């Protein structure tokens, strides 16, 4: 399955109902995220359905319970990509709006 949303929502049922192997995209993404993080913090963006399923958070925590996961649904990314609007002001503003809220709040230093 080459889609986060269908993997998150339908993969378990398909695996149960089919006699052939079915592979999703979440497990490879999780392995890549675990390998890439240096600070045990991982941001996950996706469709609202993917984020609401908590499939990535569960898979990441299963791989490493110390990982901190910051998730954000980004529903406007899909139509921008499908329209080919990936390098313009609208795309830039959309990315800033979504990703600025993905970051964890900065901790104040004690004096």
PDB file of N, CA and C in Angstrom:
ATOM      1  N   UNK A   1       0.849  -1.158   0.000  1.00  0.00           N
ATOM      2  CA  UNK A   1       0.000   0.000   0.000  1.00  0.00           C
ATOM      3  C   UNK A   1       0.899   1.227   0.000  1.00  0.00           C
ATOM      4  N   UNK A   2       0.751   2.060  -0.987  1.00  0.00           N
ATOM      5  CA  UNK A   2       1.613   3.219  -1.127  1.00  0.00           C
ATOM      6  C   UNK A   2       0.950   4.491  -0.624  1.00  0.00           C
ATOM      7  N   UNK A   3       0.257   4.385   0.492  1.00  0.00           N
ATOM      8  CA  UNK A   3      -0.459   5.540   1.034  1.00  0.00           C
ATOM      9  C   UNK A   3      -0.508   5.415   2.549  1.00  0.00           C
ATOM     10  N   UNK A   4      -0.100   6.482   3.237  1.00  0.00           N
ATOM     11  CA  UNK A   4      -0.132   6.476   4.703  1.00  0.00           C
ATOM     12  C   UNK A   4      -1.540   6.255   5.232  1.00  0.00           C
ATOM     13  N   UNK A   5      -2.511   6.963   4.679  1.00  0.00           N
ATOM     14  CA  UNK A   5      -3.866   6.888   5.195  1.00  0.00           C
ATOM     15  C   UNK A   5      -4.447   5.485   5.034  1.00  0.00           C
ATOM     16  N   UNK A   6      -4.300   4.899   3.854  1.00  0.00           N
ATOM     17  CA  UNK A   6      -4.850   3.554   3.670  1.00  0.00           C
ATOM     18  C   UNK A   6      -4.094   2.537   4.511  1.00  0.00           C
ATOM     19  N   UNK A   7      -2.783   2.715   4.674  1.00  0.00           N
ATOM     20  CA  UNK A   7      -2.018   1.822   5.547  1.00  0.00           C
ATOM     21  C   UNK A   7      -2.508   1.936   6.982  1.00  0.00           C
ATOM     22  N   UNK A   8      -2.673   3.159   7.454  1.00  0.00           N
ATOM     23  CA  UNK A   8      -3.079   3.386   8.846  1.00  0.00           C
ATOM     24  C   UNK A   8      -4.469   2.834   9.136  1.00  0.00           C
ATOM     25  N   UNK A   9      -5.359   2.936   8.163  1.00  0.00           N
ATOM     26  CA  UNK A   9      -6.754   2.581   8.412  1.00  0.00           C
ATOM     27  C   UNK A   9      -7.101   1.164   7.958  1.00  0.00           C
ATOM     28  N   UNK A  10      -6.608   0.742   6.808  1.00  0.00           N
ATOM     29  CA  UNK A  10      -7.087  -0.514   6.217  1.00  0.00           C
ATOM     30  C   UNK A  10      -6.124  -1.693   6.291  1.00  0.00           C
ATOM     31  N   UNK A  11      -4.847  -1.460   6.542  1.00  0.00           N
ATOM     32  CA  UNK A  11      -3.873  -2.550   6.482  1.00  0.00           C
ATOM     33  C   UNK A  11      -4.189  -3.727   7.404  1.00  0.00           C
ATOM     34  N   UNK A  12      -4.504  -3.492   8.681  1.00  0.00           N
ATOM     35  CA  UNK A  12      -4.789  -4.647   9.545  1.00  0.00           C
ATOM     36  C   UNK A  12      -5.933  -5.518   9.019  1.00  0.00           C
ATOM     37  N   UNK A  13      -6.986  -4.904   8.540  1.00  0.00           N
ATOM     38  CA  UNK A  13      -8.118  -5.662   7.996  1.00  0.00           C
ATOM     39  C   UNK A  13      -7.759  -6.412   6.733  1.00  0.00           C
ATOM     40  N   UNK A  14      -6.976  -5.787   5.864  1.00  0.00           N
ATOM     41  CA  UNK A  14      -6.559  -6.457   4.638  1.00  0.00           C
ATOM     42  C   UNK A  14      -5.650  -7.642   4.940  1.00  0.00           C
ATOM     43  N   UNK A  15      -4.731  -7.456   5.864  1.00  0.00           N
ATOM     44  CA  UNK A  15      -3.851  -8.568   6.233  1.00  0.00           C
ATOM     45  C   UNK A  15      -4.650  -9.742   6.784  1.00  0.00           C
ATOM     46  N   UNK A  16      -5.675  -9.430   7.536  1.00  0.00           N
ATOM     47  CA  UNK A  16      -6.518 -10.483   8.114  1.00  0.00           C
ATOM     48  C   UNK A  16      -7.365 -11.173   7.038  1.00  0.00           C
ATOM     49  N   UNK A  17      -7.845 -10.404   6.080  1.00  0.00           N
ATOM     50  CA  UNK A  17      -8.782 -10.933   5.100  1.00  0.00           C
ATOM     51  C   UNK A  17      -8.180 -11.511   3.836  1.00  0.00           C
ATOM     52  N   UNK A  18      -6.909 -11.290   3.593  1.00  0.00           N
ATOM     53  CA  UNK A  18      -6.276 -11.772   2.363  1.00  0.00           C
ATOM     54  C   UNK A  18      -5.252 -12.858   2.667  1.00  0.00           C
ATOM     55  N   UNK A  19      -5.067 -13.739   1.714  1.00  0.00           N
ATOM     56  CA  UNK A  19      -4.091 -14.814   1.895  1.00  0.00           C
ATOM     57  C   UNK A  19      -2.733 -14.481   1.282  1.00  0.00           C
ATOM     58  N   UNK A  20      -2.594 -13.257   0.770  1.00  0.00           N
ATOM     59  CA  UNK A  20      -1.313 -12.820   0.207  1.00  0.00           C
ATOM     60  C   UNK A  20      -0.699 -11.766   1.123  1.00  0.00           C
ATOM     61  N   UNK A  21       0.621 -11.626   1.098  1.00  0.00           N
ATOM     62  CA  UNK A  21       1.238 -10.586   1.942  1.00  0.00           C
ATOM     63  C   UNK A  21       0.837  -9.184   1.472  1.00  0.00           C
ATOM     64  N   UNK A  22       0.545  -8.316   2.426  1.00  0.00           N
ATOM     65  CA  UNK A  22       0.238  -6.924   2.131  1.00  0.00           C
ATOM     66  C   UNK A  22       1.200  -6.073   2.953  1.00  0.00           C
ATOM     67  N   UNK A  23       1.897  -5.161   2.282  1.00  0.00           N
ATOM     68  CA  UNK A  23       2.913  -4.338   2.930  1.00  0.00           C
ATOM     69  C   UNK A  23       2.457  -2.883   2.907  1.00  0.00           C
ATOM     70  N   UNK A  24       2.640  -2.207   4.017  1.00  0.00           N
ATOM     71  CA  UNK A  24       2.287  -0.796   4.104  1.00  0.00           C
ATOM     72  C   UNK A  24       3.524   0.077   4.149  1.00  0.00           C
ATOM     73  N   UNK A  25       3.314   1.375   4.326  1.00  0.00           N
ATOM     74  CA  UNK A  25       4.427   2.328   4.321  1.00  0.00           C
ATOM     75  C   UNK A  25       4.820   2.819   5.713  1.00  0.00           C
ATOM     76  N   UNK A  26       4.035   2.522   6.721  1.00  0.00           N
ATOM     77  CA  UNK A  26       4.325   3.067   8.050  1.00  0.00           C
ATOM     78  C   UNK A  26       5.577   2.446   8.654  1.00  0.00           C
ATOM     79  N   UNK A  27       5.699   1.134   8.616  1.00  0.00           N
ATOM     80  CA  UNK A  27       6.874   0.490   9.225  1.00  0.00           C
ATOM     81  C   UNK A  27       8.200   0.975   8.635  1.00  0.00           C
ATOM     82  N   UNK A  28       8.348   1.055   7.300  1.00  0.00           N
ATOM     83  CA  UNK A  28       9.610   1.593   6.762  1.00  0.00           C
ATOM     84  C   UNK A  28       9.846   3.052   7.164  1.00  0.00           C
ATOM     85  N   UNK A  29       8.779   3.850   7.206  1.00  0.00           N
ATOM     86  CA  UNK A  29       8.909   5.252   7.632  1.00  0.00           C
ATOM     87  C   UNK A  29       9.379   5.335   9.084  1.00  0.00           C
ATOM     88  N   UNK A  30       8.823   4.488   9.928  1.00  0.00           N
ATOM     89  CA  UNK A  30       9.194   4.471  11.347  1.00  0.00           C
ATOM     90  C   UNK A  30      10.661   4.075  11.497  1.00  0.00           C
ATOM     91  N   UNK A  31      11.092   3.037  10.791  1.00  0.00           N
ATOM     92  CA  UNK A  31      12.504   2.633  10.872  1.00  0.00           C
ATOM     93  C   UNK A  31      13.422   3.775  10.441  1.00  0.00           C
ATOM     94  N   UNK A  32      13.056   4.484   9.383  1.00  0.00           N
ATOM     95  CA  UNK A  32      13.848   5.625   8.925  1.00  0.00           C
ATOM     96  C   UNK A  32      13.868   6.752   9.939  1.00  0.00           C
ATOM     97  N   UNK A  33      12.740   7.025  10.549  1.00  0.00           N
ATOM     98  CA  UNK A  33      12.671   8.071  11.573  1.00  0.00           C
ATOM     99  C   UNK A  33      13.510   7.742  12.791  1.00  0.00           C
ATOM    100  N   UNK A  34      13.445   6.498  13.230  1.00  0.00           N
ATOM    101  CA  UNK A  34      14.231   6.062  14.394  1.00  0.00           C
ATOM    102  C   UNK A  34      15.724   6.183  14.089  1.00  0.00           C
ATOM    103  N   UNK A  35      16.112   5.793  12.881  1.00  0.00           N
ATOM    104  CA  UNK A  35      17.536   5.899  12.493  1.00  0.00           C
ATOM    105  C   UNK A  35      17.991   7.347  12.392  1.00  0.00           C
ATOM    106  N   UNK A  36      17.111   8.235  11.976  1.00  0.00           N
ATOM    107  CA  UNK A  36      17.490   9.617  11.687  1.00  0.00           C
ATOM    108  C   UNK A  36      17.516  10.535  12.895  1.00  0.00           C
ATOM    109  N   UNK A  37      16.707  10.268  13.895  1.00  0.00           N
ATOM    110  CA  UNK A  37      16.626  11.204  15.021  1.00  0.00           C
ATOM    111  C   UNK A  37      17.884  11.145  15.878  1.00  0.00           C
ATOM    112  N   UNK A  38      18.317  12.311  16.293  1.00  0.00           N
ATOM    113  CA  UNK A  38      19.470  12.403  17.200  1.00  0.00           C
ATOM    114  C   UNK A  38      19.021  12.755  18.608  1.00  0.00           C
ATOM    115  N   UNK A  39      17.808  13.305  18.717  1.00  0.00           N
ATOM    116  CA  UNK A  39      17.348  13.782  20.022  1.00  0.00           C
ATOM    117  C   UNK A  39      16.089  13.064  20.523  1.00  0.00           C
ATOM    118  N   UNK A  40      15.729  11.974  19.852  1.00  0.00           N
ATOM    119  CA  UNK A  40      14.563  11.167  20.252  1.00  0.00           C
ATOM    120  C   UNK A  40      13.246  11.934  20.100  1.00  0.00           C
ATOM    121  N   UNK A  41      13.229  12.944  19.214  1.00  0.00           N
ATOM    122  CA  UNK A  41      12.015  13.697  18.918  1.00  0.00           C
ATOM    123  C   UNK A  41      11.733  13.545  17.429  1.00  0.00           C
ATOM    124  N   UNK A  42      10.488  13.192  17.104  1.00  0.00           N
ATOM    125  CA  UNK A  42      10.116  12.976  15.711  1.00  0.00           C
ATOM    126  C   UNK A  42       8.810  13.704  15.426  1.00  0.00           C
ATOM    127  N   UNK A  43       8.794  14.464  14.338  1.00  0.00           N
ATOM    128  CA  UNK A  43       7.584  15.128  13.879  1.00  0.00           C
ATOM    129  C   UNK A  43       6.944  14.295  12.786  1.00  0.00           C
ATOM    130  N   UNK A  44       5.632  14.139  12.863  1.00  0.00           N
ATOM    131  CA  UNK A  44       4.889  13.376  11.864  1.00  0.00           C
ATOM    132  C   UNK A  44       3.812  14.280  11.295  1.00  0.00           C
ATOM    133  N   UNK A  45       3.818  14.432   9.967  1.00  0.00           N
ATOM    134  CA  UNK A  45       2.747  15.172   9.304  1.00  0.00           C
ATOM    135  C   UNK A  45       2.031  14.207   8.370  1.00  0.00           C
ATOM    136  N   UNK A  46       0.757  14.465   8.151  1.00  0.00           N
ATOM    137  CA  UNK A  46      -0.017  13.596   7.268  1.00  0.00           C
ATOM    138  C   UNK A  46      -1.420  14.127   7.117  1.00  0.00           C
ATOM    139  N   UNK A  47      -2.245  13.323   6.494  1.00  0.00           N
ATOM    140  CA  UNK A  47      -3.655  13.697   6.387  1.00  0.00           C
ATOM    141  C   UNK A  47      -4.266  13.648   7.784  1.00  0.00           C
ATOM    142  N   UNK A  48      -5.403  14.263   7.937  1.00  0.00           N
ATOM    143  CA  UNK A  48      -6.090  14.222   9.236  1.00  0.00           C
ATOM    144  C   UNK A  48      -6.387  12.776   9.641  1.00  0.00           C
ATOM    145  N   UNK A  49      -6.801  11.953   8.677  1.00  0.00           N
ATOM    146  CA  UNK A  49      -7.131  10.552   8.985  1.00  0.00           C
ATOM    147  C   UNK A  49      -5.908   9.788   9.466  1.00  0.00           C
ATOM    148  N   UNK A  50      -4.761  10.014   8.832  1.00  0.00           N
ATOM    149  CA  UNK A  50      -3.540   9.334   9.252  1.00  0.00           C
ATOM    150  C   UNK A  50      -3.161   9.755  10.668  1.00  0.00           C
ATOM    151  N   UNK A  51      -3.191  11.030  10.949  1.00  0.00           N
ATOM    152  CA  UNK A  51      -2.812  11.522  12.274  1.00  0.00           C
ATOM    153  C   UNK A  51      -3.816  11.045  13.324  1.00  0.00           C
ATOM    154  N   UNK A  52      -5.103  11.116  13.024  1.00  0.00           N
ATOM    155  CA  UNK A  52      -6.131  10.692  13.974  1.00  0.00           C
ATOM    156  C   UNK A  52      -6.052   9.194  14.282  1.00  0.00           C
ATOM    157  N   UNK A  53      -5.526   8.404  13.344  1.00  0.00           N
ATOM    158  CA  UNK A  53      -5.405   6.960  13.572  1.00  0.00           C
ATOM    159  C   UNK A  53      -4.350   6.638  14.630  1.00  0.00           C
ATOM    160  N   UNK A  54      -3.440   7.547  14.884  1.00  0.00           N
ATOM    161  CA  UNK A  54      -2.292   7.391  15.786  1.00  0.00           C
ATOM    162  C   UNK A  54      -1.384   6.221  15.404  1.00  0.00           C
ATOM    163  N   UNK A  55      -1.485   5.750  14.176  1.00  0.00           N
ATOM    164  CA  UNK A  55      -0.679   4.605  13.730  1.00  0.00           C
ATOM    165  C   UNK A  55       0.820   4.892  13.834  1.00  0.00           C
ATOM    166  N   UNK A  56       1.239   6.089  13.437  1.00  0.00           N
ATOM    167  CA  UNK A  56       2.664   6.419  13.514  1.00  0.00           C
ATOM    168  C   UNK A  56       3.133   6.524  14.955  1.00  0.00           C
ATOM    169  N   UNK A  57       2.357   7.189  15.782  1.00  0.00           N
ATOM    170  CA  UNK A  57       2.745   7.336  17.190  1.00  0.00           C
ATOM    171  C   UNK A  57       2.877   5.963  17.840  1.00  0.00           C
ATOM    172  N   UNK A  58       1.897   5.101  17.631  1.00  0.00           N
ATOM    173  CA  UNK A  58       1.952   3.762  18.220  1.00  0.00           C
ATOM    174  C   UNK A  58       3.163   2.972  17.713  1.00  0.00           C
ATOM    175  N   UNK A  59       3.409   3.025  16.411  1.00  0.00           N
ATOM    176  CA  UNK A  59       4.534   2.286  15.832  1.00  0.00           C
ATOM    177  C   UNK A  59       5.871   2.843  16.322  1.00  0.00           C
ATOM    178  N   UNK A  60       5.981   4.154  16.411  1.00  0.00           N
ATOM    179  CA  UNK A  60       7.219   4.761  16.906  1.00  0.00           C
ATOM    180  C   UNK A  60       7.460   4.394  18.366  1.00  0.00           C
ATOM    181  N   UNK A  61       6.431   4.500  19.189  1.00  0.00           N
ATOM    182  CA  UNK A  61       6.558   4.173  20.614  1.00  0.00           C
ATOM    183  C   UNK A  61       6.850   2.684  20.818  1.00  0.00           C
ATOM    184  N   UNK A  62       6.320   1.841  19.930  1.00  0.00           N
ATOM    185  CA  UNK A  62       6.611   0.413  20.016  1.00  0.00           C
ATOM    186  C   UNK A  62       8.088   0.148  19.730  1.00  0.00           C
ATOM    187  N   UNK A  63       8.645   0.897  18.793  1.00  0.00           N
ATOM    188  CA  UNK A  63      10.055   0.735  18.440  1.00  0.00           C
ATOM    189  C   UNK A  63      10.982   1.310  19.493  1.00  0.00           C
ATOM    190  N   UNK A  64      10.570   2.431  20.102  1.00  0.00           N
ATOM    191  CA  UNK A  64      11.398   3.090  21.109  1.00  0.00           C
ATOM    192  C   UNK A  64      10.480   3.901  22.018  1.00  0.00           C
ATOM    193  N   UNK A  65      10.238   3.418  23.205  1.00  0.00           N
ATOM    194  CA  UNK A  65       9.273   4.052  24.107  1.00  0.00           C
ATOM    195  C   UNK A  65       9.696   5.443  24.572  1.00  0.00           C
ATOM    196  N   UNK A  66      10.954   5.799  24.381  1.00  0.00           N
ATOM    197  CA  UNK A  66      11.453   7.104  24.817  1.00  0.00           C
ATOM    198  C   UNK A  66      11.187   8.190  23.769  1.00  0.00           C
ATOM    199  N   UNK A  67      10.910   7.804  22.548  1.00  0.00           N
ATOM    200  CA  UNK A  67      10.673   8.760  21.464  1.00  0.00           C
ATOM    201  C   UNK A  67       9.528   9.714  21.825  1.00  0.00           C
ATOM    202  N   UNK A  68       9.733  11.004  21.549  1.00  0.00           N
ATOM    203  CA  UNK A  68       8.669  12.003  21.672  1.00  0.00           C
ATOM    204  C   UNK A  68       8.126  12.251  20.268  1.00  0.00           C
ATOM    205  N   UNK A  69       6.830  12.125  20.100  1.00  0.00           N
ATOM    206  CA  UNK A  69       6.208  12.272  18.784  1.00  0.00           C
ATOM    207  C   UNK A  69       5.353  13.536  18.772  1.00  0.00           C
ATOM    208  N   UNK A  70       5.574  14.363  17.772  1.00  0.00           N
ATOM    209  CA  UNK A  70       4.803  15.580  17.564  1.00  0.00           C
ATOM    210  C   UNK A  70       4.074  15.417  16.233  1.00  0.00           C
ATOM    211  N   UNK A  71       2.753  15.323  16.274  1.00  0.00           N
ATOM    212  CA  UNK A  71       1.961  15.043  15.076  1.00  0.00           C
ATOM    213  C   UNK A  71       1.131  16.248  14.670  1.00  0.00           C
ATOM    214  N   UNK A  72       0.901  16.349  13.369  1.00  0.00           N
ATOM    215  CA  UNK A  72       0.102  17.461  12.848  1.00  0.00           C
ATOM    216  C   UNK A  72      -0.579  17.025  11.563  1.00  0.00           C
ATOM    217  N   UNK A  73      -1.882  17.130  11.531  1.00  0.00           N
ATOM    218  CA  UNK A  73      -2.614  16.908  10.295  1.00  0.00           C
ATOM    219  C   UNK A  73      -2.420  18.096   9.370  1.00  0.00           C
ATOM    220  N   UNK A  74      -2.149  17.826   8.120  1.00  0.00           N
ATOM    221  CA  UNK A  74      -1.895  18.884   7.127  1.00  0.00           C
ATOM    222  C   UNK A  74      -2.770  18.644   5.896  1.00  0.00           C
ATOM    223  N   UNK A  75      -4.073  18.818   6.016  1.00  0.00           N
ATOM    224  CA  UNK A  75      -4.972  18.464   4.924  1.00  0.00           C
ATOM    225  C   UNK A  75      -4.781  19.270   3.636  1.00  0.00           C
ATOM    226  N   UNK A  76      -4.248  20.451   3.724  1.00  0.00           N
ATOM    227  CA  UNK A  76      -4.082  21.269   2.512  1.00  0.00           C
ATOM    228  C   UNK A  76      -2.848  20.889   1.700  1.00  0.00           C
ATOM    229  N   UNK A  77      -1.961  20.058   2.251  1.00  0.00           N
ATOM    230  CA  UNK A  77      -0.796  19.627   1.478  1.00  0.00           C
ATOM    231  C   UNK A  77      -1.209  18.794   0.266  1.00  0.00           C
ATOM    232  N   UNK A  78      -2.199  17.923   0.436  1.00  0.00           N
ATOM    233  CA  UNK A  78      -2.611  17.021  -0.648  1.00  0.00           C
ATOM    234  C   UNK A  78      -3.052  17.800  -1.891  1.00  0.00           C
ATOM    235  N   UNK A  79      -4.000  18.728  -1.785  1.00  0.00           N
ATOM    236  CA  UNK A  79      -4.396  19.439  -3.005  1.00  0.00           C
ATOM    237  C   UNK A  79      -3.271  20.287  -3.595  1.00  0.00           C
ATOM    238  N   UNK A  80      -2.408  20.838  -2.753  1.00  0.00           N
ATOM    239  CA  UNK A  80      -1.283  21.614  -3.289  1.00  0.00           C
ATOM    240  C   UNK A  80      -0.373  20.729  -4.134  1.00  0.00           C
ATOM    241  N   UNK A  81      -0.053  19.560  -3.626  1.00  0.00           N
ATOM    242  CA  UNK A  81       0.816  18.644  -4.370  1.00  0.00           C
ATOM    243  C   UNK A  81       0.120  18.151  -5.632  1.00  0.00           C
ATOM    244  N   UNK A  82      -1.153  17.797  -5.518  1.00  0.00           N
ATOM    245  CA  UNK A  82      -1.879  17.300  -6.691  1.00  0.00           C
ATOM    246  C   UNK A  82      -2.007  18.357  -7.785  1.00  0.00           C
ATOM    247  N   UNK A  83      -2.046  19.618  -7.408  1.00  0.00           N
ATOM    248  CA  UNK A  83      -2.097  20.713  -8.382  1.00  0.00           C
ATOM    249  C   UNK A  83      -0.709  21.088  -8.891  1.00  0.00           C
ATOM    250  N   UNK A  84       0.328  20.532  -8.272  1.00  0.00           N
ATOM    251  CA  UNK A  84       1.691  20.904  -8.665  1.00  0.00           C
ATOM    252  C   UNK A  84       2.136  22.224  -8.066  1.00  0.00           C
ATOM    253  N   UNK A  85       1.426  22.701  -7.061  1.00  0.00           N
ATOM    254  CA  UNK A  85       1.747  23.963  -6.413  1.00  0.00           C
ATOM    255  C   UNK A  85       2.706  23.714  -5.260  1.00  0.00           C
ATOM    256  N   UNK A  86       3.923  23.367  -5.573  1.00  0.00           N
ATOM    257  CA  UNK A  86       4.883  23.038  -4.521  1.00  0.00           C
ATOM    258  C   UNK A  86       5.974  24.088  -4.366  1.00  0.00           C
ATOM    259  N   UNK A  87       6.036  25.031  -5.283  1.00  0.00           N
ATOM    260  CA  UNK A  87       7.105  26.023  -5.229  1.00  0.00           C
ATOM    261  C   UNK A  87       6.545  27.408  -5.517  1.00  0.00           C
ATOM    262  N   UNK A  88       5.633  27.831  -4.648  1.00  0.00           N
ATOM    263  CA  UNK A  88       5.076  29.171  -4.810  1.00  0.00           C
ATOM    264  C   UNK A  88       4.716  29.737  -3.439  1.00  0.00           C
ATOM    265  N   UNK A  89       4.231  30.945  -3.429  1.00  0.00           N
ATOM    266  CA  UNK A  89       3.937  31.639  -2.170  1.00  0.00           C
ATOM    267  C   UNK A  89       2.834  30.939  -1.366  1.00  0.00           C
ATOM    268  N   UNK A  90       1.836  30.415  -2.035  1.00  0.00           N
ATOM    269  CA  UNK A  90       0.746  29.718  -1.342  1.00  0.00           C
ATOM    270  C   UNK A  90       1.293  28.492  -0.620  1.00  0.00           C
ATOM    271  N   UNK A  91       2.129  27.718  -1.299  1.00  0.00           N
ATOM    272  CA  UNK A  91       2.728  26.529  -0.682  1.00  0.00           C
ATOM    273  C   UNK A  91       3.604  26.929   0.506  1.00  0.00           C
ATOM    274  N   UNK A  92       4.405  27.967   0.336  1.00  0.00           N
ATOM    275  CA  UNK A  92       5.275  28.431   1.422  1.00  0.00           C
ATOM    276  C   UNK A  92       4.483  28.856   2.651  1.00  0.00           C
ATOM    277  N   UNK A  93       3.424  29.611   2.428  1.00  0.00           N
ATOM    278  CA  UNK A  93       2.593  30.076   3.543  1.00  0.00           C
ATOM    279  C   UNK A  93       1.906  28.892   4.241  1.00  0.00           C
ATOM    280  N   UNK A  94       1.472  27.918   3.461  1.00  0.00           N
ATOM    281  CA  UNK A  94       0.805  26.741   4.028  1.00  0.00           C
ATOM    282  C   UNK A  94       1.787  25.937   4.866  1.00  0.00           C
ATOM    283  N   UNK A  95       2.982  25.734   4.344  1.00  0.00           N
ATOM    284  CA  UNK A  95       4.014  24.998   5.086  1.00  0.00           C
ATOM    285  C   UNK A  95       4.338  25.715   6.393  1.00  0.00           C
ATOM    286  N   UNK A  96       4.543  27.012   6.338  1.00  0.00           N
ATOM    287  CA  UNK A  96       4.844  27.772   7.558  1.00  0.00           C
ATOM    288  C   UNK A  96       3.712  27.666   8.574  1.00  0.00           C
ATOM    289  N   UNK A  97       2.476  27.769   8.103  1.00  0.00           N
ATOM    290  CA  UNK A  97       1.329  27.709   9.013  1.00  0.00           C
ATOM    291  C   UNK A  97       1.252  26.361   9.717  1.00  0.00           C
ATOM    292  N   UNK A  98       1.441  25.286   8.985  1.00  0.00           N
ATOM    293  CA  UNK A  98       1.363  23.958   9.595  1.00  0.00           C
ATOM    294  C   UNK A  98       2.584  23.637  10.450  1.00  0.00           C
ATOM    295  N   UNK A  99       3.757  23.848   9.910  1.00  0.00           N
ATOM    296  CA  UNK A  99       4.959  23.369  10.586  1.00  0.00           C
ATOM    297  C   UNK A  99       5.382  24.242  11.760  1.00  0.00           C
ATOM    298  N   UNK A 100       5.000  25.501  11.777  1.00  0.00           N
ATOM    299  CA  UNK A 100       5.335  26.336  12.937  1.00  0.00           C
ATOM    300  C   UNK A 100       4.607  25.830  14.176  1.00  0.00           C
ATOM    301  N   UNK A 101       3.461  25.216  13.994  1.00  0.00           N
ATOM    302  CA  UNK A 101       2.699  24.665  15.119  1.00  0.00           C
ATOM    303  C   UNK A 101       3.108  23.232  15.451  1.00  0.00           C
ATOM    304  N   UNK A 102       3.968  22.634  14.657  1.00  0.00           N
ATOM    305  CA  UNK A 102       4.436  21.270  14.918  1.00  0.00           C
ATOM    306  C   UNK A 102       5.556  21.267  15.937  1.00  0.00           C
ATOM    307  N   UNK A 103       6.325  22.334  15.974  1.00  0.00           N
ATOM    308  CA  UNK A 103       7.478  22.400  16.862  1.00  0.00           C
ATOM    309  C   UNK A 103       7.054  22.398  18.321  1.00  0.00           C
ATOM    310  N   UNK A 104       7.813  21.694  19.165  1.00  0.00           N
ATOM    311  CA  UNK A 104       7.521  21.762  20.600  1.00  0.00           C
ATOM    312  C   UNK A 104       7.847  23.157  21.121  1.00  0.00           C
ATOM    313  N   UNK A 105       7.164  23.602  22.160  1.00  0.00           N
ATOM    314  CA  UNK A 105       7.470  24.933  22.707  1.00  0.00           C
ATOM    315  C   UNK A 105       8.886  24.955  23.256  1.00  0.00           C
ATOM    316  N   UNK A 106       9.545  26.087  23.079  1.00  0.00           N
ATOM    317  CA  UNK A 106      10.905  26.232  23.612  1.00  0.00           C
ATOM    318  C   UNK A 106      10.847  26.344  25.125  1.00  0.00           C
ATOM    319  N   UNK A 107      11.773  25.672  25.756  1.00  0.00           N
ATOM    320  CA  UNK A 107      11.842  25.729  27.223  1.00  0.00           C
ATOM    321  C   UNK A 107      12.637  26.949  27.634  1.00  0.00           C
ATOM    322  N   UNK A 108      12.149  27.604  28.651  1.00  0.00           N
ATOM    323  CA  UNK A 108      12.866  28.765  29.165  1.00  0.00           C
ATOM    324  C   UNK A 108      14.051  28.311  29.993  1.00  0.00           C
ATOM    325  N   UNK A 109      15.144  29.012  29.809  1.00  0.00           N
ATOM    326  CA  UNK A 109      16.336  28.686  30.601  1.00  0.00           C
ATOM    327  C   UNK A 109      16.224  29.346  31.958  1.00  0.00           C
ATOM    328  N   UNK A 110      16.602  28.612  32.963  1.00  0.00           N
ATOM    329  CA  UNK A 110      16.595  29.173  34.315  1.00  0.00           C
ATOM    330  C   UNK A 110      17.808  30.060  34.498  1.00  0.00           C
ATOM    331  N   UNK A 111      17.618  31.138  35.226  1.00  0.00           N
ATOM    332  CA  UNK A 111      18.726  32.070  35.461  1.00  0.00           C
ATOM    333  C   UNK A 111      19.233  31.935  36.850  1.00  0.00           C
TER     334      UNK A 111
END
